[in-house]
Amino acid sequence: MSATDWNVVMQGYDEALKKLQAFEQPALDRKLKKGVQSGARVYRKAIQRGAPARVKAGVDPGFGRNSSAKRGGLYKSIKSKTLRGSPPAAVAGPTSRYRHLAINATKPHRIAALSLRGGLAIGGNRFARVVHHPGNQPHPWVGAAVAGSRGAGLEAMRKAIVKEVEEAE
């Protein structure tokens, strides 16, 4: 959360801002952390809603039988978590190790079998030693979902911070 976000969150709440400035750093960080967590939960839900139908349906990632990637793993991996540090921060989004392959573009590339004896299953009972992947178009659904929910996320942060300040009195 940058300083400009903080100003947007607290705009029109001068009393709460003055009260926040009276807290020592550890106490202030605890209150801010509550707000940041609230905003991250809003973003997580927005990302889940904004996921394409194929991601929601649990599409098979297509990495083969020996892959640890599971069907529906990308959708199930959408989480929000708080990062350590001061000022507090949080992230929301898919945590799957192959998320970049489903969101960003990939260039055409070769996929080779791991061993000379084995092969890549390419359908039915057919196998190949090398497959030429055509690449992938970008699908930036995470960024679009976060951009569309920015106001709601900041409002959730503001409400949580104001509530924490008022309860401290």
N, C-alpha and C. Protein backbone atom coordinates (compact mmCIF):
# COMPACT_ATOMS: atom_id res chain seq x y z
N MET A 1 0.87 -1.17 0.00
CA MET A 1 0.00 0.00 0.00
C MET A 1 0.90 1.23 0.00
N SER A 2 0.75 2.09 -0.98
CA SER A 2 1.58 3.29 -1.06
C SER A 2 0.95 4.44 -0.29
N ALA A 3 1.71 5.50 -0.15
CA ALA A 3 1.21 6.67 0.57
C ALA A 3 -0.02 7.26 -0.10
N THR A 4 -0.08 7.19 -1.42
CA THR A 4 -1.25 7.74 -2.10
C THR A 4 -2.50 6.93 -1.78
N ASP A 5 -2.35 5.59 -1.66
CA ASP A 5 -3.50 4.76 -1.28
C ASP A 5 -3.98 5.14 0.12
N TRP A 6 -3.03 5.36 1.01
CA TRP A 6 -3.36 5.73 2.38
C TRP A 6 -4.18 7.02 2.39
N ASN A 7 -3.77 7.98 1.59
CA ASN A 7 -4.49 9.25 1.54
C ASN A 7 -5.91 9.05 0.99
N VAL A 8 -6.04 8.19 0.00
CA VAL A 8 -7.37 7.91 -0.57
C VAL A 8 -8.24 7.23 0.49
N VAL A 9 -7.67 6.28 1.21
CA VAL A 9 -8.42 5.53 2.21
C VAL A 9 -8.94 6.46 3.29
N MET A 10 -8.11 7.37 3.75
CA MET A 10 -8.47 8.18 4.90
C MET A 10 -9.09 9.53 4.54
N GLN A 11 -9.22 9.79 3.28
CA GLN A 11 -9.77 11.07 2.86
C GLN A 11 -11.16 11.27 3.45
N GLY A 12 -11.37 12.39 4.09
CA GLY A 12 -12.66 12.69 4.69
C GLY A 12 -12.80 12.16 6.09
N TYR A 13 -11.76 11.60 6.65
CA TYR A 13 -11.79 11.04 7.99
C TYR A 13 -10.67 11.64 8.83
N ASP A 14 -10.69 12.96 8.92
CA ASP A 14 -9.61 13.68 9.61
C ASP A 14 -9.48 13.28 11.07
N GLU A 15 -10.60 13.05 11.74
CA GLU A 15 -10.54 12.66 13.15
C GLU A 15 -9.82 11.32 13.31
N ALA A 16 -10.17 10.35 12.48
CA ALA A 16 -9.52 9.04 12.57
C ALA A 16 -8.04 9.16 12.24
N LEU A 17 -7.70 9.98 11.26
CA LEU A 17 -6.29 10.16 10.89
C LEU A 17 -5.50 10.77 12.05
N LYS A 18 -6.08 11.76 12.73
CA LYS A 18 -5.41 12.37 13.88
C LYS A 18 -5.22 11.36 15.00
N LYS A 19 -6.22 10.51 15.23
CA LYS A 19 -6.11 9.49 16.27
C LYS A 19 -5.03 8.47 15.91
N LEU A 20 -4.96 8.11 14.64
CA LEU A 20 -3.95 7.15 14.20
C LEU A 20 -2.54 7.69 14.43
N GLN A 21 -2.36 8.98 14.21
CA GLN A 21 -1.03 9.57 14.37
C GLN A 21 -0.57 9.54 15.83
N ALA A 22 -1.47 9.36 16.77
CA ALA A 22 -1.11 9.33 18.18
C ALA A 22 -0.56 7.97 18.62
N PHE A 23 -0.74 6.91 17.80
CA PHE A 23 -0.27 5.59 18.18
C PHE A 23 1.22 5.42 17.93
N GLU A 24 1.86 4.63 18.79
CA GLU A 24 3.26 4.25 18.57
C GLU A 24 3.31 3.29 17.37
N GLN A 25 4.47 3.12 16.77
CA GLN A 25 4.60 2.34 15.55
C GLN A 25 4.06 0.91 15.66
N PRO A 26 4.40 0.11 16.68
CA PRO A 26 3.86 -1.27 16.72
C PRO A 26 2.33 -1.30 16.81
N ALA A 27 1.76 -0.43 17.62
CA ALA A 27 0.30 -0.40 17.74
C ALA A 27 -0.33 0.08 16.44
N LEU A 28 0.29 1.05 15.79
CA LEU A 28 -0.21 1.56 14.51
C LEU A 28 -0.16 0.45 13.45
N ASP A 29 0.95 -0.29 13.43
CA ASP A 29 1.08 -1.37 12.45
C ASP A 29 0.01 -2.44 12.64
N ARG A 30 -0.35 -2.74 13.88
CA ARG A 30 -1.40 -3.73 14.12
C ARG A 30 -2.74 -3.25 13.56
N LYS A 31 -3.01 -1.99 13.72
CA LYS A 31 -4.27 -1.44 13.23
C LYS A 31 -4.28 -1.39 11.69
N LEU A 32 -3.16 -0.99 11.13
CA LEU A 32 -3.07 -0.95 9.67
C LEU A 32 -3.15 -2.36 9.08
N LYS A 33 -2.56 -3.33 9.79
CA LYS A 33 -2.58 -4.70 9.31
C LYS A 33 -4.02 -5.21 9.18
N LYS A 34 -4.86 -4.88 10.14
CA LYS A 34 -6.27 -5.28 10.07
C LYS A 34 -6.93 -4.72 8.81
N GLY A 35 -6.63 -3.46 8.52
CA GLY A 35 -7.20 -2.84 7.33
C GLY A 35 -6.68 -3.46 6.05
N VAL A 36 -5.38 -3.71 6.01
CA VAL A 36 -4.78 -4.30 4.82
C VAL A 36 -5.34 -5.70 4.59
N GLN A 37 -5.52 -6.47 5.66
CA GLN A 37 -6.11 -7.81 5.52
C GLN A 37 -7.52 -7.75 4.96
N SER A 38 -8.30 -6.78 5.41
CA SER A 38 -9.67 -6.63 4.90
C SER A 38 -9.67 -6.33 3.41
N GLY A 39 -8.78 -5.43 3.00
CA GLY A 39 -8.69 -5.11 1.58
C GLY A 39 -8.24 -6.30 0.76
N ALA A 40 -7.29 -7.07 1.26
CA ALA A 40 -6.80 -8.24 0.53
C ALA A 40 -7.89 -9.29 0.36
N ARG A 41 -8.74 -9.45 1.36
CA ARG A 41 -9.86 -10.41 1.24
C ARG A 41 -10.83 -9.97 0.14
N VAL A 42 -11.07 -8.67 0.05
CA VAL A 42 -11.95 -8.16 -1.02
C VAL A 42 -11.32 -8.45 -2.39
N TYR A 43 -10.02 -8.22 -2.52
CA TYR A 43 -9.34 -8.47 -3.79
C TYR A 43 -9.35 -9.96 -4.13
N ARG A 44 -9.16 -10.83 -3.12
CA ARG A 44 -9.18 -12.28 -3.36
C ARG A 44 -10.53 -12.70 -3.93
N LYS A 45 -11.61 -12.21 -3.32
CA LYS A 45 -12.95 -12.57 -3.80
C LYS A 45 -13.19 -12.03 -5.22
N ALA A 46 -12.69 -10.83 -5.50
CA ALA A 46 -12.85 -10.26 -6.84
C ALA A 46 -12.08 -11.07 -7.86
N ILE A 47 -10.90 -11.53 -7.51
CA ILE A 47 -10.09 -12.35 -8.42
C ILE A 47 -10.79 -13.68 -8.67
N GLN A 48 -11.38 -14.26 -7.63
CA GLN A 48 -12.12 -15.51 -7.82
C GLN A 48 -13.32 -15.30 -8.74
N ARG A 49 -14.04 -14.19 -8.54
CA ARG A 49 -15.19 -13.89 -9.42
C ARG A 49 -14.74 -13.63 -10.84
N GLY A 50 -13.58 -12.98 -11.01
CA GLY A 50 -13.10 -12.60 -12.33
C GLY A 50 -12.38 -13.69 -13.08
N ALA A 51 -12.17 -14.84 -12.44
CA ALA A 51 -11.46 -15.94 -13.11
C ALA A 51 -12.28 -16.42 -14.30
N PRO A 52 -11.61 -16.73 -15.41
CA PRO A 52 -12.34 -17.25 -16.57
C PRO A 52 -13.06 -18.56 -16.23
N ALA A 53 -14.08 -18.87 -16.99
CA ALA A 53 -14.88 -20.07 -16.75
C ALA A 53 -14.02 -21.32 -16.77
N ARG A 54 -13.00 -21.37 -17.64
CA ARG A 54 -12.16 -22.57 -17.72
C ARG A 54 -11.35 -22.75 -16.44
N VAL A 55 -10.97 -21.64 -15.79
CA VAL A 55 -10.23 -21.73 -14.53
C VAL A 55 -11.18 -22.15 -13.41
N LYS A 56 -12.38 -21.56 -13.38
CA LYS A 56 -13.37 -21.92 -12.36
C LYS A 56 -13.78 -23.39 -12.49
N ALA A 57 -13.87 -23.87 -13.71
CA ALA A 57 -14.29 -25.25 -13.95
C ALA A 57 -13.20 -26.25 -13.58
N GLY A 58 -12.01 -25.77 -13.29
CA GLY A 58 -10.94 -26.68 -12.90
C GLY A 58 -10.30 -27.35 -14.08
N VAL A 59 -9.96 -26.57 -15.10
CA VAL A 59 -9.34 -27.12 -16.30
C VAL A 59 -8.04 -27.85 -15.94
N ASP A 60 -7.80 -28.94 -16.62
CA ASP A 60 -6.56 -29.70 -16.42
C ASP A 60 -5.41 -28.86 -16.96
N PRO A 61 -4.35 -28.64 -16.16
CA PRO A 61 -3.26 -27.80 -16.64
C PRO A 61 -2.52 -28.40 -17.83
N GLY A 62 -2.66 -29.71 -18.08
CA GLY A 62 -2.07 -30.30 -19.26
C GLY A 62 -0.57 -30.53 -19.17
N PHE A 63 -0.04 -30.75 -17.99
CA PHE A 63 1.40 -30.95 -17.85
C PHE A 63 1.76 -32.43 -17.79
N GLY A 64 0.83 -33.31 -18.04
CA GLY A 64 1.14 -34.73 -18.06
C GLY A 64 0.87 -35.43 -16.74
N ARG A 65 0.92 -36.76 -16.78
CA ARG A 65 0.62 -37.59 -15.62
C ARG A 65 1.59 -37.40 -14.47
N ASN A 66 2.87 -37.19 -14.78
CA ASN A 66 3.89 -37.12 -13.74
C ASN A 66 4.01 -35.74 -13.10
N SER A 67 3.20 -34.79 -13.54
CA SER A 67 3.27 -33.43 -13.01
C SER A 67 2.57 -33.36 -11.65
N SER A 68 3.06 -32.46 -10.81
CA SER A 68 2.40 -32.25 -9.52
C SER A 68 1.23 -31.26 -9.64
N ALA A 69 1.06 -30.66 -10.81
CA ALA A 69 -0.05 -29.73 -11.04
C ALA A 69 -1.35 -30.51 -11.11
N LYS A 70 -2.32 -30.13 -10.32
CA LYS A 70 -3.58 -30.86 -10.25
C LYS A 70 -4.70 -30.10 -10.95
N ARG A 71 -5.71 -30.85 -11.37
CA ARG A 71 -6.89 -30.26 -12.00
C ARG A 71 -7.56 -29.29 -11.03
N GLY A 72 -7.80 -28.07 -11.46
CA GLY A 72 -8.44 -27.06 -10.62
C GLY A 72 -7.50 -26.40 -9.64
N GLY A 73 -6.22 -26.71 -9.72
CA GLY A 73 -5.25 -26.17 -8.77
C GLY A 73 -5.08 -24.66 -8.87
N LEU A 74 -5.22 -24.11 -10.06
CA LEU A 74 -5.05 -22.66 -10.23
C LEU A 74 -6.15 -21.91 -9.49
N TYR A 75 -7.40 -22.34 -9.62
CA TYR A 75 -8.50 -21.67 -8.93
C TYR A 75 -8.40 -21.84 -7.42
N LYS A 76 -8.09 -23.04 -6.98
CA LYS A 76 -7.98 -23.31 -5.54
C LYS A 76 -6.82 -22.55 -4.91
N SER A 77 -5.84 -22.15 -5.73
CA SER A 77 -4.66 -21.47 -5.18
C SER A 77 -4.87 -19.97 -4.99
N ILE A 78 -6.04 -19.43 -5.36
CA ILE A 78 -6.29 -17.99 -5.19
C ILE A 78 -6.48 -17.71 -3.70
N LYS A 79 -5.53 -17.01 -3.13
CA LYS A 79 -5.54 -16.75 -1.69
C LYS A 79 -5.13 -15.31 -1.41
N SER A 80 -5.34 -14.89 -0.17
CA SER A 80 -4.79 -13.61 0.26
C SER A 80 -3.98 -13.88 1.51
N LYS A 81 -2.85 -13.20 1.63
CA LYS A 81 -2.04 -13.38 2.82
C LYS A 81 -1.33 -12.08 3.16
N THR A 82 -1.01 -11.95 4.43
CA THR A 82 -0.34 -10.76 4.94
C THR A 82 1.16 -10.99 4.88
N LEU A 83 1.88 -9.97 4.45
CA LEU A 83 3.34 -10.03 4.42
C LEU A 83 3.90 -9.41 5.69
N ARG A 84 5.00 -9.93 6.14
CA ARG A 84 5.63 -9.37 7.33
C ARG A 84 6.31 -8.06 6.99
N GLY A 85 6.43 -7.20 7.98
CA GLY A 85 7.16 -5.96 7.79
C GLY A 85 6.37 -4.76 8.25
N SER A 86 7.02 -3.64 8.16
CA SER A 86 6.42 -2.37 8.54
C SER A 86 6.70 -1.38 7.42
N PRO A 87 5.73 -0.77 6.82
CA PRO A 87 4.30 -0.88 7.08
C PRO A 87 3.76 -2.23 6.60
N PRO A 88 2.64 -2.65 7.16
CA PRO A 88 2.06 -3.94 6.77
C PRO A 88 1.61 -3.93 5.32
N ALA A 89 1.66 -5.10 4.72
CA ALA A 89 1.22 -5.25 3.34
C ALA A 89 0.57 -6.61 3.19
N ALA A 90 -0.20 -6.76 2.14
CA ALA A 90 -0.85 -8.04 1.86
C ALA A 90 -0.87 -8.25 0.36
N VAL A 91 -0.97 -9.49 -0.04
CA VAL A 91 -1.07 -9.83 -1.45
C VAL A 91 -2.30 -10.72 -1.63
N ALA A 92 -2.85 -10.68 -2.82
CA ALA A 92 -3.98 -11.54 -3.15
C ALA A 92 -3.80 -12.00 -4.59
N GLY A 93 -4.08 -13.25 -4.82
CA GLY A 93 -3.97 -13.77 -6.17
C GLY A 93 -3.65 -15.25 -6.17
N PRO A 94 -3.51 -15.83 -7.38
CA PRO A 94 -3.19 -17.24 -7.46
C PRO A 94 -1.77 -17.48 -6.96
N THR A 95 -1.57 -18.55 -6.22
CA THR A 95 -0.25 -18.89 -5.70
C THR A 95 0.32 -20.13 -6.37
N SER A 96 -0.40 -20.71 -7.30
CA SER A 96 0.06 -21.91 -8.00
C SER A 96 1.38 -21.64 -8.70
N ARG A 97 2.23 -22.65 -8.78
CA ARG A 97 3.55 -22.45 -9.38
C ARG A 97 3.48 -22.27 -10.90
N TYR A 98 2.36 -22.57 -11.52
CA TYR A 98 2.23 -22.39 -12.96
C TYR A 98 1.29 -21.23 -13.33
N ARG A 99 1.00 -20.34 -12.37
CA ARG A 99 0.06 -19.24 -12.63
C ARG A 99 0.52 -18.35 -13.78
N HIS A 100 1.82 -18.12 -13.88
CA HIS A 100 2.33 -17.25 -14.94
C HIS A 100 2.05 -17.82 -16.33
N LEU A 101 1.95 -19.13 -16.44
CA LEU A 101 1.68 -19.74 -17.74
C LEU A 101 0.24 -19.52 -18.17
N ALA A 102 -0.68 -19.35 -17.23
CA ALA A 102 -2.09 -19.16 -17.55
C ALA A 102 -2.47 -17.69 -17.66
N ILE A 103 -1.62 -16.80 -17.13
CA ILE A 103 -1.96 -15.37 -17.11
C ILE A 103 -1.16 -14.59 -18.14
N ASN A 104 0.13 -14.87 -18.21
CA ASN A 104 1.01 -14.16 -19.15
C ASN A 104 1.11 -14.93 -20.46
N ALA A 105 1.65 -14.27 -21.46
CA ALA A 105 1.88 -14.92 -22.75
C ALA A 105 3.10 -15.84 -22.64
N THR A 106 3.09 -16.91 -23.41
CA THR A 106 4.28 -17.75 -23.55
C THR A 106 4.63 -17.81 -25.03
N LYS A 107 5.92 -17.88 -25.31
CA LYS A 107 6.38 -17.96 -26.70
C LYS A 107 6.30 -19.42 -27.16
N PRO A 108 6.26 -19.62 -28.46
CA PRO A 108 6.34 -21.00 -28.95
C PRO A 108 7.63 -21.64 -28.45
N HIS A 109 7.54 -22.91 -28.03
CA HIS A 109 8.72 -23.58 -27.48
C HIS A 109 8.61 -25.09 -27.66
N ARG A 110 9.75 -25.75 -27.46
CA ARG A 110 9.81 -27.20 -27.56
C ARG A 110 9.64 -27.80 -26.18
N ILE A 111 8.95 -28.93 -26.12
CA ILE A 111 8.82 -29.70 -24.89
C ILE A 111 9.39 -31.08 -25.20
N ALA A 112 10.43 -31.47 -24.46
CA ALA A 112 11.09 -32.74 -24.72
C ALA A 112 10.80 -33.72 -23.59
N ALA A 113 10.83 -35.00 -23.91
CA ALA A 113 10.68 -36.05 -22.90
C ALA A 113 11.86 -35.99 -21.94
N LEU A 114 11.61 -36.33 -20.66
CA LEU A 114 12.66 -36.27 -19.66
C LEU A 114 13.73 -37.34 -19.86
N SER A 115 13.36 -38.47 -20.43
CA SER A 115 14.36 -39.52 -20.67
C SER A 115 14.23 -40.00 -22.11
N LEU A 116 15.28 -40.65 -22.59
CA LEU A 116 15.25 -41.16 -23.96
C LEU A 116 14.32 -42.36 -24.10
N ARG A 117 14.15 -43.12 -23.01
CA ARG A 117 13.26 -44.29 -23.05
C ARG A 117 11.80 -43.87 -23.05
N GLY A 118 11.47 -42.80 -22.35
CA GLY A 118 10.08 -42.38 -22.20
C GLY A 118 9.63 -41.51 -23.35
N GLY A 119 8.42 -41.06 -23.25
CA GLY A 119 7.88 -40.17 -24.27
C GLY A 119 6.79 -39.32 -23.66
N LEU A 120 6.34 -38.38 -24.42
CA LEU A 120 5.25 -37.51 -24.00
C LEU A 120 3.95 -38.06 -24.58
N ALA A 121 2.94 -38.24 -23.75
CA ALA A 121 1.65 -38.72 -24.22
C ALA A 121 0.99 -37.59 -24.99
N ILE A 122 0.62 -37.85 -26.23
CA ILE A 122 0.01 -36.80 -27.05
C ILE A 122 -1.40 -37.18 -27.49
N GLY A 123 -2.00 -38.14 -26.80
CA GLY A 123 -3.38 -38.51 -27.10
C GLY A 123 -3.48 -39.97 -27.48
N GLY A 124 -4.49 -40.61 -26.96
CA GLY A 124 -4.67 -42.03 -27.24
C GLY A 124 -3.47 -42.82 -26.75
N ASN A 125 -2.96 -43.69 -27.58
CA ASN A 125 -1.76 -44.46 -27.24
C ASN A 125 -0.55 -43.94 -28.00
N ARG A 126 -0.55 -42.69 -28.35
CA ARG A 126 0.56 -42.11 -29.13
C ARG A 126 1.50 -41.35 -28.20
N PHE A 127 2.77 -41.47 -28.50
CA PHE A 127 3.81 -40.81 -27.71
C PHE A 127 4.79 -40.12 -28.65
N ALA A 128 5.45 -39.10 -28.14
CA ALA A 128 6.45 -38.39 -28.93
C ALA A 128 7.62 -38.03 -28.02
N ARG A 129 8.80 -37.91 -28.62
CA ARG A 129 9.98 -37.50 -27.84
C ARG A 129 10.02 -35.98 -27.69
N VAL A 130 9.53 -35.28 -28.71
CA VAL A 130 9.54 -33.81 -28.69
C VAL A 130 8.20 -33.31 -29.22
N VAL A 131 7.67 -32.28 -28.58
CA VAL A 131 6.43 -31.64 -29.02
C VAL A 131 6.71 -30.16 -29.19
N HIS A 132 6.17 -29.56 -30.23
CA HIS A 132 6.34 -28.12 -30.45
C HIS A 132 5.07 -27.41 -29.98
N HIS A 133 5.19 -26.69 -28.87
CA HIS A 133 4.05 -25.97 -28.30
C HIS A 133 3.89 -24.65 -29.05
N PRO A 134 2.68 -24.27 -29.46
CA PRO A 134 2.49 -23.04 -30.25
C PRO A 134 2.57 -21.75 -29.44
N GLY A 135 2.61 -21.84 -28.12
CA GLY A 135 2.62 -20.62 -27.30
C GLY A 135 1.23 -20.35 -26.75
N ASN A 136 1.13 -19.28 -25.98
CA ASN A 136 -0.13 -18.97 -25.31
C ASN A 136 -0.35 -17.45 -25.36
N GLN A 137 -1.57 -17.05 -25.61
CA GLN A 137 -1.92 -15.63 -25.56
C GLN A 137 -2.08 -15.20 -24.11
N PRO A 138 -1.81 -13.93 -23.79
CA PRO A 138 -1.99 -13.50 -22.39
C PRO A 138 -3.47 -13.43 -22.01
N HIS A 139 -3.75 -13.76 -20.77
CA HIS A 139 -5.10 -13.67 -20.20
C HIS A 139 -4.98 -12.94 -18.86
N PRO A 140 -4.85 -11.62 -18.87
CA PRO A 140 -4.59 -10.87 -17.62
C PRO A 140 -5.82 -10.67 -16.74
N TRP A 141 -6.51 -11.75 -16.40
CA TRP A 141 -7.75 -11.66 -15.62
C TRP A 141 -7.49 -11.23 -14.19
N VAL A 142 -6.33 -11.51 -13.64
CA VAL A 142 -6.06 -11.11 -12.26
C VAL A 142 -5.98 -9.59 -12.16
N GLY A 143 -5.20 -8.97 -13.05
CA GLY A 143 -5.07 -7.51 -13.04
C GLY A 143 -6.40 -6.81 -13.29
N ALA A 144 -7.19 -7.35 -14.20
CA ALA A 144 -8.50 -6.75 -14.49
C ALA A 144 -9.42 -6.83 -13.29
N ALA A 145 -9.40 -7.96 -12.59
CA ALA A 145 -10.26 -8.13 -11.40
C ALA A 145 -9.85 -7.18 -10.29
N VAL A 146 -8.54 -7.03 -10.08
CA VAL A 146 -8.07 -6.12 -9.03
C VAL A 146 -8.41 -4.68 -9.38
N ALA A 147 -8.21 -4.30 -10.64
CA ALA A 147 -8.53 -2.92 -11.06
C ALA A 147 -10.01 -2.62 -10.87
N GLY A 148 -10.86 -3.59 -11.18
CA GLY A 148 -12.30 -3.39 -11.05
C GLY A 148 -12.78 -3.32 -9.61
N SER A 149 -12.00 -3.87 -8.68
CA SER A 149 -12.42 -3.89 -7.28
C SER A 149 -11.61 -2.94 -6.41
N ARG A 150 -10.84 -2.07 -7.03
CA ARG A 150 -9.96 -1.17 -6.27
C ARG A 150 -10.74 -0.32 -5.27
N GLY A 151 -11.81 0.28 -5.69
CA GLY A 151 -12.59 1.13 -4.78
C GLY A 151 -13.15 0.33 -3.61
N ALA A 152 -13.66 -0.87 -3.88
CA ALA A 152 -14.22 -1.70 -2.81
C ALA A 152 -13.13 -2.15 -1.85
N GLY A 153 -11.95 -2.46 -2.37
CA GLY A 153 -10.84 -2.87 -1.51
C GLY A 153 -10.37 -1.75 -0.61
N LEU A 154 -10.25 -0.56 -1.16
CA LEU A 154 -9.83 0.59 -0.35
C LEU A 154 -10.90 0.94 0.70
N GLU A 155 -12.15 0.81 0.33
CA GLU A 155 -13.23 1.08 1.29
C GLU A 155 -13.21 0.07 2.43
N ALA A 156 -12.95 -1.20 2.12
CA ALA A 156 -12.85 -2.22 3.17
C ALA A 156 -11.68 -1.91 4.11
N MET A 157 -10.57 -1.46 3.54
CA MET A 157 -9.42 -1.08 4.37
C MET A 157 -9.78 0.08 5.29
N ARG A 158 -10.41 1.08 4.71
CA ARG A 158 -10.78 2.27 5.49
C ARG A 158 -11.68 1.89 6.65
N LYS A 159 -12.71 1.11 6.37
CA LYS A 159 -13.66 0.72 7.42
C LYS A 159 -12.97 -0.05 8.53
N ALA A 160 -12.10 -0.98 8.17
CA ALA A 160 -11.42 -1.79 9.19
C ALA A 160 -10.49 -0.93 10.04
N ILE A 161 -9.80 0.01 9.41
CA ILE A 161 -8.87 0.87 10.17
C ILE A 161 -9.65 1.79 11.10
N VAL A 162 -10.72 2.39 10.60
CA VAL A 162 -11.54 3.27 11.44
C VAL A 162 -12.12 2.48 12.61
N LYS A 163 -12.58 1.26 12.35
CA LYS A 163 -13.12 0.42 13.42
C LYS A 163 -12.05 0.12 14.47
N GLU A 164 -10.84 -0.18 14.06
CA GLU A 164 -9.75 -0.47 15.00
C GLU A 164 -9.41 0.76 15.84
N VAL A 165 -9.42 1.94 15.23
CA VAL A 165 -9.12 3.17 15.95
C VAL A 165 -10.21 3.46 16.97
N GLU A 166 -11.46 3.31 16.56
CA GLU A 166 -12.57 3.61 17.47
C GLU A 166 -12.62 2.63 18.63
N GLU A 167 -12.26 1.35 18.40
CA GLU A 167 -12.26 0.36 19.48
C GLU A 167 -11.12 0.60 20.46
N ALA A 168 -10.07 1.28 20.03
CA ALA A 168 -8.90 1.52 20.90
C ALA A 168 -9.16 2.62 21.93
N GLU A 169 -10.19 3.38 21.72
CA GLU A 169 -10.46 4.50 22.63
C GLU A 169 -11.06 4.04 23.94
